[in-house]
């Protein structure tokens, strides 16, 4: 996988020095794009910048976003880190070997959550691929920079084998917008439970991500969803779609 197509996304990092150390780890392995979701205060303090020695460009150009969804909107593959050794979770090596192919010609967002608690369930739902770093049971936790460095190292090793595909993939933002339209349409026809629509929608989101649709295919999905909603309103005598 090409390191230049990877965005590291740090969500609610607890301490500014951890962010600075992650910047240095990224720069060591050739990753240059950092995005921060609800970052900690104090990133401009001299002692913090000292920890980011040589990687000030990564720190200074980091994009800041209020939500994870906005931070990953232009990526075609979103990978979330998890502390749970689930059977479906990728290893760091598998991430490096397969993520580039899954992303097509687009970008990969590598998402790491808060040091103490990790990503929330709703945030992990935005990540069709999960990666787990296997550690010893006696000391299972890694600090943020360690995790970034380990993942970035595997990505760098795989860079020489990176494959560039001609077929574009829809971005995460495009796909989420289509899923919003689909959610509204399926509520209109009574397919989703209004009290808990996310239960089924999470499965449909996983299906859509596995399909790796192109922008054209996502446009078709949005058109289908809107037509379903329009037909449901006509059937109820609600008139045309506005």
C-alpha atoms as a PDB file:
ATOM      1  CA  UNK A   1       0.000   0.000   0.000  1.00  0.00           C
ATOM      2  CA  UNK A   2       1.252   3.472  -0.899  1.00  0.00           C
ATOM      3  CA  UNK A   3       1.907   5.446   2.338  1.00  0.00           C
ATOM      4  CA  UNK A   4       1.023   8.631   0.466  1.00  0.00           C
ATOM      5  CA  UNK A   5      -2.600   7.481   0.213  1.00  0.00           C
ATOM      6  CA  UNK A   6      -3.034   6.924   3.941  1.00  0.00           C
ATOM      7  CA  UNK A   7      -4.675   9.391   6.326  1.00  0.00           C
ATOM      8  CA  UNK A   8      -4.094   8.766  10.025  1.00  0.00           C
ATOM      9  CA  UNK A   9      -7.163   9.881  11.983  1.00  0.00           C
ATOM     10  CA  UNK A  10      -6.819  10.351  15.750  1.00  0.00           C
ATOM     11  CA  UNK A  11     -10.151  10.542  17.567  1.00  0.00           C
ATOM     12  CA  UNK A  12     -10.335  12.366  20.908  1.00  0.00           C
ATOM     13  CA  UNK A  13      -6.673  11.797  21.770  1.00  0.00           C
ATOM     14  CA  UNK A  14      -6.223  12.277  25.501  1.00  0.00           C
ATOM     15  CA  UNK A  15      -2.942  14.202  25.600  1.00  0.00           C
ATOM     16  CA  UNK A  16      -1.224  16.562  23.174  1.00  0.00           C
ATOM     17  CA  UNK A  17       2.164  14.839  23.631  1.00  0.00           C
ATOM     18  CA  UNK A  18       0.605  11.613  22.352  1.00  0.00           C
ATOM     19  CA  UNK A  19      -0.482  13.395  19.183  1.00  0.00           C
ATOM     20  CA  UNK A  20       3.003  14.875  18.785  1.00  0.00           C
ATOM     21  CA  UNK A  21       4.645  11.461  19.223  1.00  0.00           C
ATOM     22  CA  UNK A  22       2.241   9.992  16.672  1.00  0.00           C
ATOM     23  CA  UNK A  23       3.287  12.701  14.205  1.00  0.00           C
ATOM     24  CA  UNK A  24       6.914  11.682  14.568  1.00  0.00           C
ATOM     25  CA  UNK A  25       6.031   8.017  14.122  1.00  0.00           C
ATOM     26  CA  UNK A  26       4.135   8.885  10.942  1.00  0.00           C
ATOM     27  CA  UNK A  27       7.029  10.906   9.538  1.00  0.00           C
ATOM     28  CA  UNK A  28       9.448   8.063  10.302  1.00  0.00           C
ATOM     29  CA  UNK A  29       7.463   5.784   8.000  1.00  0.00           C
ATOM     30  CA  UNK A  30       6.568   8.260   5.255  1.00  0.00           C
ATOM     31  CA  UNK A  31       2.964   9.030   6.236  1.00  0.00           C
ATOM     32  CA  UNK A  32       2.193  12.717   5.992  1.00  0.00           C
ATOM     33  CA  UNK A  33      -1.555  13.306   6.350  1.00  0.00           C
ATOM     34  CA  UNK A  34      -3.015  13.598   9.835  1.00  0.00           C
ATOM     35  CA  UNK A  35      -6.609  14.338  10.770  1.00  0.00           C
ATOM     36  CA  UNK A  36      -7.766  15.097  14.291  1.00  0.00           C
ATOM     37  CA  UNK A  37     -11.259  14.669  15.687  1.00  0.00           C
ATOM     38  CA  UNK A  38     -11.894  16.749  18.813  1.00  0.00           C
ATOM     39  CA  UNK A  39      -8.153  17.097  19.567  1.00  0.00           C
ATOM     40  CA  UNK A  40      -6.724  17.973  22.991  1.00  0.00           C
ATOM     41  CA  UNK A  41      -5.670  21.519  23.790  1.00  0.00           C
ATOM     42  CA  UNK A  42      -2.019  22.492  23.954  1.00  0.00           C
ATOM     43  CA  UNK A  43      -0.689  21.195  20.643  1.00  0.00           C
ATOM     44  CA  UNK A  44       1.175  24.469  20.168  1.00  0.00           C
ATOM     45  CA  UNK A  45       3.088  24.282  23.465  1.00  0.00           C
ATOM     46  CA  UNK A  46       6.899  24.221  23.048  1.00  0.00           C
ATOM     47  CA  UNK A  47       7.326  21.017  25.037  1.00  0.00           C
ATOM     48  CA  UNK A  48       4.704  19.308  22.872  1.00  0.00           C
ATOM     49  CA  UNK A  49       6.305  20.503  19.647  1.00  0.00           C
ATOM     50  CA  UNK A  50       9.601  19.193  20.941  1.00  0.00           C
ATOM     51  CA  UNK A  51       8.130  15.682  21.056  1.00  0.00           C
ATOM     52  CA  UNK A  52       7.182  16.070  17.380  1.00  0.00           C
ATOM     53  CA  UNK A  53      10.781  16.839  16.457  1.00  0.00           C
ATOM     54  CA  UNK A  54      11.252  16.768  12.685  1.00  0.00           C
ATOM     55  CA  UNK A  55       7.558  16.168  12.065  1.00  0.00           C
ATOM     56  CA  UNK A  56       6.268  19.678  12.617  1.00  0.00           C
ATOM     57  CA  UNK A  57       4.871  19.754   9.086  1.00  0.00           C
ATOM     58  CA  UNK A  58       2.634  16.781   9.910  1.00  0.00           C
ATOM     59  CA  UNK A  59       1.431  18.457  13.100  1.00  0.00           C
ATOM     60  CA  UNK A  60       0.958  21.923  11.599  1.00  0.00           C
ATOM     61  CA  UNK A  61      -0.990  20.747   8.546  1.00  0.00           C
ATOM     62  CA  UNK A  62      -3.282  18.361  10.425  1.00  0.00           C
ATOM     63  CA  UNK A  63      -6.950  18.756   9.547  1.00  0.00           C
ATOM     64  CA  UNK A  64      -9.305  19.262  12.487  1.00  0.00           C
ATOM     65  CA  UNK A  65     -12.851  17.903  12.334  1.00  0.00           C
ATOM     66  CA  UNK A  66     -15.756  17.844  14.817  1.00  0.00           C
ATOM     67  CA  UNK A  67     -16.825  14.270  13.941  1.00  0.00           C
ATOM     68  CA  UNK A  68     -15.264  11.109  12.577  1.00  0.00           C
ATOM     69  CA  UNK A  69     -17.740  11.022   9.737  1.00  0.00           C
ATOM     70  CA  UNK A  70     -16.481  14.377   8.455  1.00  0.00           C
ATOM     71  CA  UNK A  71     -12.849  13.368   8.923  1.00  0.00           C
ATOM     72  CA  UNK A  72     -13.158  10.284   6.698  1.00  0.00           C
ATOM     73  CA  UNK A  73     -15.682  11.587   4.176  1.00  0.00           C
ATOM     74  CA  UNK A  74     -13.286  11.624   1.216  1.00  0.00           C
ATOM     75  CA  UNK A  75     -11.712   8.210   1.862  1.00  0.00           C
ATOM     76  CA  UNK A  76     -12.757   5.107  -0.051  1.00  0.00           C
ATOM     77  CA  UNK A  77     -11.751   2.734   2.733  1.00  0.00           C
ATOM     78  CA  UNK A  78     -12.042   3.447   6.455  1.00  0.00           C
ATOM     79  CA  UNK A  79     -10.146   1.160   8.824  1.00  0.00           C
ATOM     80  CA  UNK A  80     -10.809   1.310  12.556  1.00  0.00           C
ATOM     81  CA  UNK A  81      -8.430  -0.007  15.199  1.00  0.00           C
ATOM     82  CA  UNK A  82      -9.902  -2.167  17.946  1.00  0.00           C
ATOM     83  CA  UNK A  83      -8.554  -3.739  21.104  1.00  0.00           C
ATOM     84  CA  UNK A  84     -10.813  -6.762  20.646  1.00  0.00           C
ATOM     85  CA  UNK A  85      -9.330  -9.832  18.979  1.00  0.00           C
ATOM     86  CA  UNK A  86     -12.414 -10.523  16.871  1.00  0.00           C
ATOM     87  CA  UNK A  87     -12.049 -13.291  14.246  1.00  0.00           C
ATOM     88  CA  UNK A  88     -12.962 -10.862  11.457  1.00  0.00           C
ATOM     89  CA  UNK A  89     -10.381  -8.248  12.518  1.00  0.00           C
ATOM     90  CA  UNK A  90      -7.365  -7.857  10.249  1.00  0.00           C
ATOM     91  CA  UNK A  91      -3.793  -8.034  11.439  1.00  0.00           C
ATOM     92  CA  UNK A  92      -1.533  -5.045  10.695  1.00  0.00           C
ATOM     93  CA  UNK A  93       0.166  -7.119   7.989  1.00  0.00           C
ATOM     94  CA  UNK A  94      -3.106  -7.964   6.283  1.00  0.00           C
ATOM     95  CA  UNK A  95      -4.030  -4.286   6.460  1.00  0.00           C
ATOM     96  CA  UNK A  96      -0.839  -3.369   4.609  1.00  0.00           C
ATOM     97  CA  UNK A  97      -1.301  -6.116   2.021  1.00  0.00           C
ATOM     98  CA  UNK A  98      -5.003  -5.693   1.224  1.00  0.00           C
ATOM     99  CA  UNK A  99      -6.171  -2.185   2.101  1.00  0.00           C
ATOM    100  CA  UNK A 100      -4.684  -0.620  -1.031  1.00  0.00           C
ATOM    101  CA  UNK A 101      -6.596  -3.038  -3.235  1.00  0.00           C
ATOM    102  CA  UNK A 102      -9.823  -2.475  -1.300  1.00  0.00           C
ATOM    103  CA  UNK A 103      -9.472   1.294  -1.636  1.00  0.00           C
ATOM    104  CA  UNK A 104      -8.968   1.247  -5.405  1.00  0.00           C
ATOM    105  CA  UNK A 105      -7.561   4.585  -6.530  1.00  0.00           C
ATOM    106  CA  UNK A 106      -8.827   6.406  -3.427  1.00  0.00           C
ATOM    107  CA  UNK A 107      -7.489   7.108   0.027  1.00  0.00           C
ATOM    108  CA  UNK A 108      -7.400   4.961   3.156  1.00  0.00           C
ATOM    109  CA  UNK A 109      -8.315   6.392   6.564  1.00  0.00           C
ATOM    110  CA  UNK A 110      -6.616   4.624   9.459  1.00  0.00           C
ATOM    111  CA  UNK A 111      -8.636   5.520  12.555  1.00  0.00           C
ATOM    112  CA  UNK A 112      -7.365   5.267  16.132  1.00  0.00           C
ATOM    113  CA  UNK A 113      -9.536   6.054  19.131  1.00  0.00           C
ATOM    114  CA  UNK A 114      -8.814   7.422  22.607  1.00  0.00           C
ATOM    115  CA  UNK A 115      -6.019   5.679  24.471  1.00  0.00           C
ATOM    116  CA  UNK A 116      -8.147   4.561  27.424  1.00  0.00           C
ATOM    117  CA  UNK A 117     -11.399   3.514  25.767  1.00  0.00           C
ATOM    118  CA  UNK A 118     -10.906   3.175  22.024  1.00  0.00           C
ATOM    119  CA  UNK A 119     -13.489   4.008  19.398  1.00  0.00           C
ATOM    120  CA  UNK A 120     -17.179   4.060  20.300  1.00  0.00           C
ATOM    121  CA  UNK A 121     -19.557   1.544  18.735  1.00  0.00           C
ATOM    122  CA  UNK A 122     -21.112   4.175  16.464  1.00  0.00           C
ATOM    123  CA  UNK A 123     -17.640   5.179  15.280  1.00  0.00           C
ATOM    124  CA  UNK A 124     -16.609   1.591  14.585  1.00  0.00           C
ATOM    125  CA  UNK A 125     -19.767   1.237  12.479  1.00  0.00           C
ATOM    126  CA  UNK A 126     -18.230   3.754  10.075  1.00  0.00           C
ATOM    127  CA  UNK A 127     -15.225   1.440   9.678  1.00  0.00           C
ATOM    128  CA  UNK A 128     -16.005  -1.542   7.413  1.00  0.00           C
ATOM    129  CA  UNK A 129     -12.562  -2.960   8.173  1.00  0.00           C
ATOM    130  CA  UNK A 130     -11.240  -3.404  11.716  1.00  0.00           C
ATOM    131  CA  UNK A 131      -7.587  -4.009  12.552  1.00  0.00           C
ATOM    132  CA  UNK A 132      -6.331  -5.495  15.803  1.00  0.00           C
ATOM    133  CA  UNK A 133      -2.730  -5.423  16.996  1.00  0.00           C
ATOM    134  CA  UNK A 134      -2.024  -8.685  18.854  1.00  0.00           C
ATOM    135  CA  UNK A 135      -0.207  -8.065  22.115  1.00  0.00           C
ATOM    136  CA  UNK A 136       0.779 -10.126  25.123  1.00  0.00           C
ATOM    137  CA  UNK A 137      -2.009 -10.673  27.644  1.00  0.00           C
ATOM    138  CA  UNK A 138       0.225  -9.513  30.491  1.00  0.00           C
ATOM    139  CA  UNK A 139       0.522  -6.018  28.932  1.00  0.00           C
ATOM    140  CA  UNK A 140      -2.102  -5.651  26.195  1.00  0.00           C
ATOM    141  CA  UNK A 141      -2.230  -1.874  25.850  1.00  0.00           C
ATOM    142  CA  UNK A 142      -0.140   0.203  23.456  1.00  0.00           C
ATOM    143  CA  UNK A 143       0.242   3.945  23.636  1.00  0.00           C
ATOM    144  CA  UNK A 144      -0.977   5.935  20.661  1.00  0.00           C
ATOM    145  CA  UNK A 145       2.402   6.520  19.032  1.00  0.00           C
ATOM    146  CA  UNK A 146       3.361   2.854  19.380  1.00  0.00           C
ATOM    147  CA  UNK A 147       0.196   1.776  17.588  1.00  0.00           C
ATOM    148  CA  UNK A 148       0.694   4.343  14.831  1.00  0.00           C
ATOM    149  CA  UNK A 149       4.331   3.342  14.364  1.00  0.00           C
ATOM    150  CA  UNK A 150       3.564  -0.366  14.173  1.00  0.00           C
ATOM    151  CA  UNK A 151       0.791   0.078  11.610  1.00  0.00           C
ATOM    152  CA  UNK A 152       2.797   2.585   9.587  1.00  0.00           C
ATOM    153  CA  UNK A 153       5.803   0.247   9.573  1.00  0.00           C
ATOM    154  CA  UNK A 154       3.761  -2.552   7.990  1.00  0.00           C
ATOM    155  CA  UNK A 155       2.382  -0.098   5.427  1.00  0.00           C
ATOM    156  CA  UNK A 156       5.886   1.054   4.540  1.00  0.00           C
ATOM    157  CA  UNK A 157       7.079  -2.526   4.083  1.00  0.00           C
ATOM    158  CA  UNK A 158       4.254  -3.182   1.645  1.00  0.00           C
ATOM    159  CA  UNK A 159       4.815   0.007  -0.357  1.00  0.00           C
ATOM    160  CA  UNK A 160       7.034  -1.656  -2.925  1.00  0.00           C
ATOM    161  CA  UNK A 161       4.220  -4.061  -3.749  1.00  0.00           C
ATOM    162  CA  UNK A 162       1.532  -1.398  -4.050  1.00  0.00           C
ATOM    163  CA  UNK A 163      -0.894  -1.930  -6.929  1.00  0.00           C
ATOM    164  CA  UNK A 164      -2.649   0.997  -8.585  1.00  0.00           C
ATOM    165  CA  UNK A 165      -6.142   0.290  -9.884  1.00  0.00           C
ATOM    166  CA  UNK A 166      -7.887   2.283 -12.599  1.00  0.00           C
ATOM    167  CA  UNK A 167     -11.405   1.794 -11.250  1.00  0.00           C
ATOM    168  CA  UNK A 168     -12.418   4.538  -8.810  1.00  0.00           C
ATOM    169  CA  UNK A 169     -14.228   3.783  -5.565  1.00  0.00           C
ATOM    170  CA  UNK A 170     -16.937   5.859  -3.963  1.00  0.00           C
ATOM    171  CA  UNK A 171     -15.791   7.856  -0.953  1.00  0.00           C
ATOM    172  CA  UNK A 172     -17.084   7.184   2.546  1.00  0.00           C
ATOM    173  CA  UNK A 173     -18.969  10.483   2.439  1.00  0.00           C
ATOM    174  CA  UNK A 174     -20.718   9.572  -0.828  1.00  0.00           C
ATOM    175  CA  UNK A 175     -21.665   6.174   0.509  1.00  0.00           C
ATOM    176  CA  UNK A 176     -23.003   7.548   3.807  1.00  0.00           C
ATOM    177  CA  UNK A 177     -25.144  10.084   1.918  1.00  0.00           C
ATOM    178  CA  UNK A 178     -26.601   7.262  -0.178  1.00  0.00           C
ATOM    179  CA  UNK A 179     -27.275   5.233   2.960  1.00  0.00           C
ATOM    180  CA  UNK A 180     -29.121   8.195   4.471  1.00  0.00           C
ATOM    181  CA  UNK A 181     -31.400   8.270   1.420  1.00  0.00           C
ATOM    182  CA  UNK A 182     -31.857   4.506   1.644  1.00  0.00           C
ATOM    183  CA  UNK A 183     -32.680   4.774   5.346  1.00  0.00           C
ATOM    184  CA  UNK A 184     -35.397   7.341   4.631  1.00  0.00           C
ATOM    185  CA  UNK A 185     -36.839   5.232   1.800  1.00  0.00           C
ATOM    186  CA  UNK A 186     -36.905   2.010   3.819  1.00  0.00           C
ATOM    187  CA  UNK A 187     -38.646   3.815   6.665  1.00  0.00           C
ATOM    188  CA  UNK A 188     -41.232   5.069   4.162  1.00  0.00           C
ATOM    189  CA  UNK A 189     -42.073   1.528   3.005  1.00  0.00           C
ATOM    190  CA  UNK A 190     -41.988   0.069   6.514  1.00  0.00           C
ATOM    191  CA  UNK A 191     -38.921  -2.129   6.005  1.00  0.00           C
ATOM    192  CA  UNK A 192     -37.057  -0.589   8.931  1.00  0.00           C
ATOM    193  CA  UNK A 193     -38.329  -0.461  12.489  1.00  0.00           C
ATOM    194  CA  UNK A 194     -38.781   3.267  13.269  1.00  0.00           C
ATOM    195  CA  UNK A 195     -37.850   2.591  16.893  1.00  0.00           C
ATOM    196  CA  UNK A 196     -34.508   1.035  15.936  1.00  0.00           C
ATOM    197  CA  UNK A 197     -33.662   1.538  12.259  1.00  0.00           C
ATOM    198  CA  UNK A 198     -29.909   1.322  12.848  1.00  0.00           C
ATOM    199  CA  UNK A 199     -29.987  -2.404  13.601  1.00  0.00           C
ATOM    200  CA  UNK A 200     -30.744  -3.384   9.996  1.00  0.00           C
ATOM    201  CA  UNK A 201     -29.036  -0.327   8.510  1.00  0.00           C
ATOM    202  CA  UNK A 202     -25.719  -1.403  10.060  1.00  0.00           C
ATOM    203  CA  UNK A 203     -25.943  -4.680   8.119  1.00  0.00           C
ATOM    204  CA  UNK A 204     -26.779  -2.826   4.908  1.00  0.00           C
ATOM    205  CA  UNK A 205     -23.819  -0.498   5.506  1.00  0.00           C
ATOM    206  CA  UNK A 206     -21.522  -3.499   5.889  1.00  0.00           C
ATOM    207  CA  UNK A 207     -22.905  -4.990   2.671  1.00  0.00           C
ATOM    208  CA  UNK A 208     -22.349  -1.729   0.790  1.00  0.00           C
ATOM    209  CA  UNK A 209     -18.760  -1.455   1.992  1.00  0.00           C
ATOM    210  CA  UNK A 210     -17.999  -5.053   1.009  1.00  0.00           C
ATOM    211  CA  UNK A 211     -19.294  -4.313  -2.491  1.00  0.00           C
ATOM    212  CA  UNK A 212     -16.772  -1.449  -2.876  1.00  0.00           C
ATOM    213  CA  UNK A 213     -19.089   0.552  -5.173  1.00  0.00           C
ATOM    214  CA  UNK A 214     -17.950   3.107  -7.717  1.00  0.00           C
ATOM    215  CA  UNK A 215     -19.264   6.697  -7.596  1.00  0.00           C
ATOM    216  CA  UNK A 216     -21.630   5.806 -10.466  1.00  0.00           C
ATOM    217  CA  UNK A 217     -23.027   2.833  -8.537  1.00  0.00           C
ATOM    218  CA  UNK A 218     -23.590   4.990  -5.449  1.00  0.00           C
ATOM    219  CA  UNK A 219     -25.464   7.499  -7.622  1.00  0.00           C
ATOM    220  CA  UNK A 220     -27.671   4.654  -8.861  1.00  0.00           C
ATOM    221  CA  UNK A 221     -28.298   3.563  -5.251  1.00  0.00           C
ATOM    222  CA  UNK A 222     -29.342   7.087  -4.282  1.00  0.00           C
ATOM    223  CA  UNK A 223     -31.672   7.293  -7.286  1.00  0.00           C
ATOM    224  CA  UNK A 224     -33.231   3.936  -6.389  1.00  0.00           C
ATOM    225  CA  UNK A 225     -33.721   4.994  -2.764  1.00  0.00           C
ATOM    226  CA  UNK A 226     -35.368   8.276  -3.726  1.00  0.00           C
ATOM    227  CA  UNK A 227     -37.666   6.533  -6.203  1.00  0.00           C
ATOM    228  CA  UNK A 228     -38.728   4.049  -3.530  1.00  0.00           C
ATOM    229  CA  UNK A 229     -39.530   6.912  -1.170  1.00  0.00           C
ATOM    230  CA  UNK A 230     -41.452   8.746  -3.892  1.00  0.00           C
ATOM    231  CA  UNK A 231     -43.481   5.637  -4.757  1.00  0.00           C
ATOM    232  CA  UNK A 232     -44.327   5.049  -1.092  1.00  0.00           C
ATOM    233  CA  UNK A 233     -45.630   8.595  -0.705  1.00  0.00           C
ATOM    234  CA  UNK A 234     -47.677   8.340  -3.902  1.00  0.00           C
ATOM    235  CA  UNK A 235     -49.194   5.074  -2.666  1.00  0.00           C
ATOM    236  CA  UNK A 236     -50.279   6.857   0.513  1.00  0.00           C
ATOM    237  CA  UNK A 237     -51.562   9.828  -1.437  1.00  0.00           C
ATOM    238  CA  UNK A 238     -48.705  12.026  -0.223  1.00  0.00           C
ATOM    239  CA  UNK A 239     -47.842  13.561  -3.581  1.00  0.00           C
ATOM    240  CA  UNK A 240     -44.559  13.915  -5.416  1.00  0.00           C
ATOM    241  CA  UNK A 241     -41.174  14.105  -3.804  1.00  0.00           C
ATOM    242  CA  UNK A 242     -40.011  17.593  -2.887  1.00  0.00           C
END
